[in-house]
Amino acid sequence: MKQAGIRSLMNRRYKKPSTQVEFAQRPNLIKSLHSRASVWRADITYLDLGAGHGGYLSTILDETHNRVVTHNYGQSMTADLVVNTLKIALKNHEVPKFYHSDMGS
């Protein structure tokens, strides 16, 4: 960034918020796989679009081919957003052997 003459507008480093859950954490079984055959990972993230606008991007990634299977956008973080993203993926692609998502907030 220094060579390009650009700098960050943020004055502090990002600190990941801690997630408090009322149930036991479950082990990550995907980590122990020797093969990444037919694994989809799901994630949802907030997009700040500026001027008080933003929303949530729900994505499903194919670990085997290192690509985005599908994505979906919504104004709020709801189970419907994630379920609809999965429905779109299953409608257009073969069912994976494993589907992995973090426990999120």
N, C-alpha and C. Protein backbone atom coordinates (compact mmCIF):
# COMPACT_ATOMS: atom_id res chain seq x y z
N MET A 1 0.83 -1.17 0.00
CA MET A 1 0.00 0.00 0.00
C MET A 1 0.88 1.25 0.00
N LYS A 2 1.99 1.16 0.73
CA LYS A 2 2.89 2.31 0.81
C LYS A 2 3.44 2.67 -0.57
N GLN A 3 3.84 1.63 -1.33
CA GLN A 3 4.39 1.86 -2.66
C GLN A 3 3.34 2.49 -3.59
N ALA A 4 2.09 2.13 -3.41
CA ALA A 4 1.02 2.65 -4.26
C ALA A 4 0.53 4.02 -3.79
N GLY A 5 0.99 4.44 -2.61
CA GLY A 5 0.59 5.74 -2.10
C GLY A 5 -0.83 5.78 -1.56
N ILE A 6 -1.31 4.63 -1.09
CA ILE A 6 -2.66 4.59 -0.53
C ILE A 6 -2.58 4.18 0.94
N ARG A 7 -3.64 4.51 1.70
CA ARG A 7 -3.66 4.13 3.10
C ARG A 7 -5.08 3.79 3.52
N SER A 8 -5.19 3.07 4.61
CA SER A 8 -6.47 2.66 5.14
C SER A 8 -7.17 3.83 5.82
N LEU A 9 -8.48 3.88 5.73
CA LEU A 9 -9.24 4.91 6.42
C LEU A 9 -9.52 4.51 7.87
N MET A 10 -9.29 3.25 8.20
CA MET A 10 -9.51 2.77 9.56
C MET A 10 -8.30 3.10 10.42
N ASN A 11 -8.55 3.53 11.65
CA ASN A 11 -7.46 3.88 12.55
C ASN A 11 -7.07 2.76 13.49
N ARG A 12 -7.87 1.70 13.54
CA ARG A 12 -7.56 0.61 14.45
C ARG A 12 -7.75 -0.72 13.74
N ARG A 13 -7.13 -1.74 14.29
CA ARG A 13 -7.25 -3.08 13.72
C ARG A 13 -8.63 -3.65 14.02
N TYR A 14 -9.08 -4.51 13.14
CA TYR A 14 -10.35 -5.20 13.33
C TYR A 14 -10.22 -6.20 14.47
N LYS A 15 -11.15 -6.20 15.39
CA LYS A 15 -11.18 -7.15 16.48
C LYS A 15 -12.43 -7.99 16.33
N LYS A 16 -12.25 -9.29 16.12
CA LYS A 16 -13.36 -10.20 15.92
C LYS A 16 -14.21 -10.25 17.19
N PRO A 17 -15.52 -10.04 17.07
CA PRO A 17 -16.37 -10.11 18.26
C PRO A 17 -16.49 -11.54 18.76
N SER A 18 -16.61 -11.70 20.06
CA SER A 18 -16.79 -13.04 20.61
C SER A 18 -18.27 -13.41 20.51
N THR A 19 -18.52 -14.68 20.32
CA THR A 19 -19.88 -15.18 20.22
C THR A 19 -20.21 -15.95 21.48
N GLN A 20 -21.24 -15.53 22.16
CA GLN A 20 -21.70 -16.24 23.35
C GLN A 20 -22.87 -17.12 22.95
N VAL A 21 -22.74 -18.42 23.21
CA VAL A 21 -23.81 -19.34 22.87
C VAL A 21 -24.27 -20.09 24.11
N GLU A 22 -25.52 -20.52 24.09
CA GLU A 22 -26.09 -21.21 25.23
C GLU A 22 -26.06 -22.73 25.08
N PHE A 23 -25.32 -23.23 24.10
CA PHE A 23 -25.24 -24.66 23.89
C PHE A 23 -23.78 -25.04 23.65
N ALA A 24 -23.49 -26.31 23.79
CA ALA A 24 -22.12 -26.80 23.67
C ALA A 24 -21.61 -26.66 22.23
N GLN A 25 -20.37 -26.26 22.10
CA GLN A 25 -19.75 -26.20 20.78
C GLN A 25 -19.58 -27.62 20.25
N ARG A 26 -19.73 -27.77 18.97
CA ARG A 26 -19.59 -29.09 18.35
C ARG A 26 -18.26 -29.15 17.60
N PRO A 27 -17.68 -30.34 17.50
CA PRO A 27 -16.39 -30.45 16.82
C PRO A 27 -16.52 -30.20 15.32
N ASN A 28 -15.45 -29.69 14.72
CA ASN A 28 -15.41 -29.44 13.28
C ASN A 28 -14.93 -30.72 12.60
N LEU A 29 -15.86 -31.53 12.13
CA LEU A 29 -15.53 -32.82 11.52
C LEU A 29 -14.90 -32.67 10.14
N ILE A 30 -15.14 -31.56 9.48
CA ILE A 30 -14.58 -31.33 8.15
C ILE A 30 -13.06 -31.21 8.22
N LYS A 31 -12.54 -30.63 9.29
CA LYS A 31 -11.09 -30.46 9.44
C LYS A 31 -10.35 -31.79 9.38
N SER A 32 -10.98 -32.85 9.88
CA SER A 32 -10.31 -34.15 9.95
C SER A 32 -10.39 -34.95 8.65
N LEU A 33 -11.11 -34.46 7.66
CA LEU A 33 -11.20 -35.18 6.38
C LEU A 33 -9.87 -35.13 5.64
N HIS A 34 -9.46 -36.26 5.10
CA HIS A 34 -8.23 -36.29 4.31
C HIS A 34 -8.51 -35.87 2.88
N SER A 35 -9.74 -36.03 2.47
CA SER A 35 -10.16 -35.65 1.12
C SER A 35 -11.21 -34.56 1.23
N ARG A 36 -11.19 -33.62 0.35
CA ARG A 36 -12.19 -32.54 0.33
C ARG A 36 -13.32 -32.87 -0.64
N ALA A 37 -13.49 -34.14 -0.95
CA ALA A 37 -14.49 -34.54 -1.92
C ALA A 37 -15.89 -34.11 -1.50
N SER A 38 -16.54 -33.41 -2.37
CA SER A 38 -17.94 -33.04 -2.23
C SER A 38 -18.27 -32.37 -0.89
N VAL A 39 -17.57 -31.26 -0.61
CA VAL A 39 -17.82 -30.49 0.61
C VAL A 39 -18.27 -29.08 0.22
N TRP A 40 -19.42 -28.68 0.73
CA TRP A 40 -19.89 -27.30 0.59
C TRP A 40 -19.76 -26.62 1.93
N ARG A 41 -19.31 -25.36 1.91
CA ARG A 41 -19.25 -24.54 3.12
C ARG A 41 -20.20 -23.37 2.94
N ALA A 42 -20.93 -23.06 4.01
CA ALA A 42 -21.88 -21.95 3.97
C ALA A 42 -21.38 -20.83 4.86
N ASP A 43 -21.65 -19.61 4.45
CA ASP A 43 -21.27 -18.45 5.26
C ASP A 43 -22.25 -17.32 4.98
N ILE A 44 -22.37 -16.44 5.95
CA ILE A 44 -23.20 -15.25 5.79
C ILE A 44 -22.41 -14.08 6.37
N THR A 45 -22.43 -12.96 5.67
CA THR A 45 -21.67 -11.80 6.12
C THR A 45 -22.45 -10.52 5.85
N TYR A 46 -22.20 -9.52 6.67
CA TYR A 46 -22.85 -8.22 6.51
C TYR A 46 -22.06 -7.38 5.52
N LEU A 47 -22.74 -6.72 4.60
CA LEU A 47 -22.11 -5.81 3.65
C LEU A 47 -22.58 -4.39 3.96
N ASP A 48 -21.66 -3.52 4.30
CA ASP A 48 -21.98 -2.12 4.54
C ASP A 48 -21.84 -1.40 3.21
N LEU A 49 -22.95 -0.94 2.67
CA LEU A 49 -22.95 -0.30 1.36
C LEU A 49 -22.90 1.21 1.45
N GLY A 50 -22.69 1.72 2.66
CA GLY A 50 -22.56 3.15 2.86
C GLY A 50 -23.90 3.86 2.95
N ALA A 51 -23.85 5.08 3.46
CA ALA A 51 -25.04 5.94 3.58
C ALA A 51 -26.19 5.24 4.31
N GLY A 52 -25.85 4.43 5.31
CA GLY A 52 -26.88 3.76 6.09
C GLY A 52 -27.52 2.56 5.42
N HIS A 53 -26.97 2.13 4.31
CA HIS A 53 -27.51 0.99 3.58
C HIS A 53 -26.61 -0.22 3.77
N GLY A 54 -27.20 -1.35 3.77
CA GLY A 54 -26.43 -2.59 3.89
C GLY A 54 -27.36 -3.77 3.92
N GLY A 55 -26.77 -4.94 3.91
CA GLY A 55 -27.55 -6.16 3.93
C GLY A 55 -26.64 -7.35 4.14
N TYR A 56 -27.20 -8.52 4.01
CA TYR A 56 -26.48 -9.75 4.29
C TYR A 56 -26.30 -10.59 3.04
N LEU A 57 -25.08 -11.06 2.83
CA LEU A 57 -24.76 -11.91 1.70
C LEU A 57 -24.56 -13.33 2.21
N SER A 58 -25.41 -14.23 1.75
CA SER A 58 -25.32 -15.64 2.11
C SER A 58 -24.68 -16.37 0.93
N THR A 59 -23.62 -17.12 1.20
CA THR A 59 -22.92 -17.82 0.12
C THR A 59 -22.72 -19.29 0.46
N ILE A 60 -22.61 -20.10 -0.58
CA ILE A 60 -22.22 -21.49 -0.44
C ILE A 60 -21.04 -21.71 -1.37
N LEU A 61 -19.95 -22.22 -0.78
CA LEU A 61 -18.71 -22.44 -1.50
C LEU A 61 -18.46 -23.93 -1.68
N ASP A 62 -17.98 -24.31 -2.86
CA ASP A 62 -17.62 -25.69 -3.15
C ASP A 62 -16.13 -25.85 -2.87
N GLU A 63 -15.79 -26.60 -1.83
CA GLU A 63 -14.39 -26.80 -1.46
C GLU A 63 -13.63 -27.61 -2.50
N THR A 64 -14.33 -28.54 -3.15
CA THR A 64 -13.69 -29.42 -4.13
C THR A 64 -13.16 -28.64 -5.33
N HIS A 65 -13.98 -27.73 -5.84
CA HIS A 65 -13.61 -26.98 -7.04
C HIS A 65 -13.21 -25.54 -6.75
N ASN A 66 -13.19 -25.18 -5.46
CA ASN A 66 -12.78 -23.84 -5.03
C ASN A 66 -13.54 -22.75 -5.79
N ARG A 67 -14.88 -22.82 -5.70
CA ARG A 67 -15.71 -21.84 -6.39
C ARG A 67 -16.99 -21.58 -5.59
N VAL A 68 -17.65 -20.50 -5.94
CA VAL A 68 -18.93 -20.17 -5.32
C VAL A 68 -20.01 -20.97 -6.03
N VAL A 69 -20.78 -21.73 -5.28
CA VAL A 69 -21.89 -22.51 -5.83
C VAL A 69 -23.07 -21.58 -6.09
N THR A 70 -23.41 -20.78 -5.09
CA THR A 70 -24.49 -19.80 -5.25
C THR A 70 -24.38 -18.75 -4.15
N HIS A 71 -25.13 -17.68 -4.33
CA HIS A 71 -25.19 -16.63 -3.31
C HIS A 71 -26.59 -16.03 -3.32
N ASN A 72 -26.90 -15.35 -2.22
CA ASN A 72 -28.22 -14.74 -2.07
C ASN A 72 -28.05 -13.52 -1.18
N TYR A 73 -28.84 -12.50 -1.40
CA TYR A 73 -28.72 -11.25 -0.64
C TYR A 73 -30.05 -10.94 0.03
N GLY A 74 -29.98 -10.46 1.27
CA GLY A 74 -31.19 -10.07 1.99
C GLY A 74 -30.95 -8.89 2.90
N GLN A 75 -32.01 -8.20 3.27
CA GLN A 75 -31.91 -7.02 4.14
C GLN A 75 -31.69 -7.38 5.60
N SER A 76 -32.02 -8.62 5.99
CA SER A 76 -31.83 -9.02 7.39
C SER A 76 -31.27 -10.44 7.44
N MET A 77 -30.59 -10.75 8.55
CA MET A 77 -29.97 -12.04 8.73
C MET A 77 -31.01 -13.00 9.33
N THR A 78 -31.64 -13.75 8.46
CA THR A 78 -32.70 -14.66 8.90
C THR A 78 -32.39 -16.08 8.44
N ALA A 79 -33.05 -17.02 9.08
CA ALA A 79 -32.92 -18.42 8.66
C ALA A 79 -33.45 -18.59 7.24
N ASP A 80 -34.49 -17.85 6.88
CA ASP A 80 -35.05 -17.94 5.52
C ASP A 80 -34.02 -17.59 4.46
N LEU A 81 -33.19 -16.59 4.72
CA LEU A 81 -32.15 -16.21 3.76
C LEU A 81 -31.21 -17.38 3.51
N VAL A 82 -30.76 -18.02 4.58
CA VAL A 82 -29.82 -19.14 4.46
C VAL A 82 -30.49 -20.36 3.82
N VAL A 83 -31.71 -20.67 4.24
CA VAL A 83 -32.43 -21.82 3.68
C VAL A 83 -32.70 -21.61 2.19
N ASN A 84 -33.09 -20.41 1.80
CA ASN A 84 -33.33 -20.13 0.38
C ASN A 84 -32.06 -20.24 -0.45
N THR A 85 -30.92 -19.83 0.13
CA THR A 85 -29.64 -19.97 -0.56
C THR A 85 -29.34 -21.45 -0.80
N LEU A 86 -29.56 -22.27 0.22
CA LEU A 86 -29.34 -23.71 0.08
C LEU A 86 -30.29 -24.32 -0.95
N LYS A 87 -31.55 -23.91 -0.95
CA LYS A 87 -32.51 -24.42 -1.93
C LYS A 87 -32.08 -24.11 -3.36
N ILE A 88 -31.57 -22.90 -3.57
CA ILE A 88 -31.08 -22.51 -4.91
C ILE A 88 -29.92 -23.41 -5.32
N ALA A 89 -28.99 -23.65 -4.39
CA ALA A 89 -27.83 -24.49 -4.69
C ALA A 89 -28.25 -25.91 -5.03
N LEU A 90 -29.17 -26.47 -4.25
CA LEU A 90 -29.60 -27.86 -4.47
C LEU A 90 -30.40 -28.01 -5.75
N LYS A 91 -31.09 -26.95 -6.15
CA LYS A 91 -31.87 -26.98 -7.39
C LYS A 91 -30.95 -27.05 -8.62
N ASN A 92 -29.78 -26.41 -8.52
CA ASN A 92 -28.90 -26.28 -9.68
C ASN A 92 -27.64 -27.14 -9.66
N HIS A 93 -27.41 -27.86 -8.55
CA HIS A 93 -26.18 -28.64 -8.43
C HIS A 93 -26.45 -29.99 -7.77
N GLU A 94 -25.53 -30.91 -7.96
CA GLU A 94 -25.62 -32.22 -7.32
C GLU A 94 -25.44 -32.07 -5.81
N VAL A 95 -26.16 -32.86 -5.05
CA VAL A 95 -26.10 -32.82 -3.59
C VAL A 95 -24.69 -33.22 -3.12
N PRO A 96 -24.07 -32.40 -2.25
CA PRO A 96 -22.73 -32.74 -1.77
C PRO A 96 -22.78 -33.83 -0.70
N LYS A 97 -21.63 -34.45 -0.47
CA LYS A 97 -21.55 -35.45 0.60
C LYS A 97 -21.61 -34.77 1.96
N PHE A 98 -20.98 -33.59 2.08
CA PHE A 98 -20.95 -32.85 3.34
C PHE A 98 -21.39 -31.40 3.12
N TYR A 99 -22.11 -30.89 4.10
CA TYR A 99 -22.51 -29.47 4.12
C TYR A 99 -22.05 -28.91 5.46
N HIS A 100 -21.21 -27.90 5.42
CA HIS A 100 -20.62 -27.36 6.65
C HIS A 100 -20.96 -25.88 6.81
N SER A 101 -21.38 -25.51 8.01
CA SER A 101 -21.56 -24.11 8.32
C SER A 101 -21.09 -23.89 9.74
N ASP A 102 -20.61 -22.67 10.02
CA ASP A 102 -20.22 -22.38 11.39
C ASP A 102 -21.49 -22.13 12.19
N MET A 103 -21.34 -21.99 13.48
CA MET A 103 -22.52 -21.82 14.34
C MET A 103 -22.97 -20.38 14.39
N GLY A 104 -22.13 -19.47 13.92
CA GLY A 104 -22.51 -18.07 13.78
C GLY A 104 -23.08 -17.41 15.03
N SER A 105 -23.66 -16.25 14.80
CA SER A 105 -24.24 -15.52 15.94
C SER A 105 -25.75 -15.60 15.93
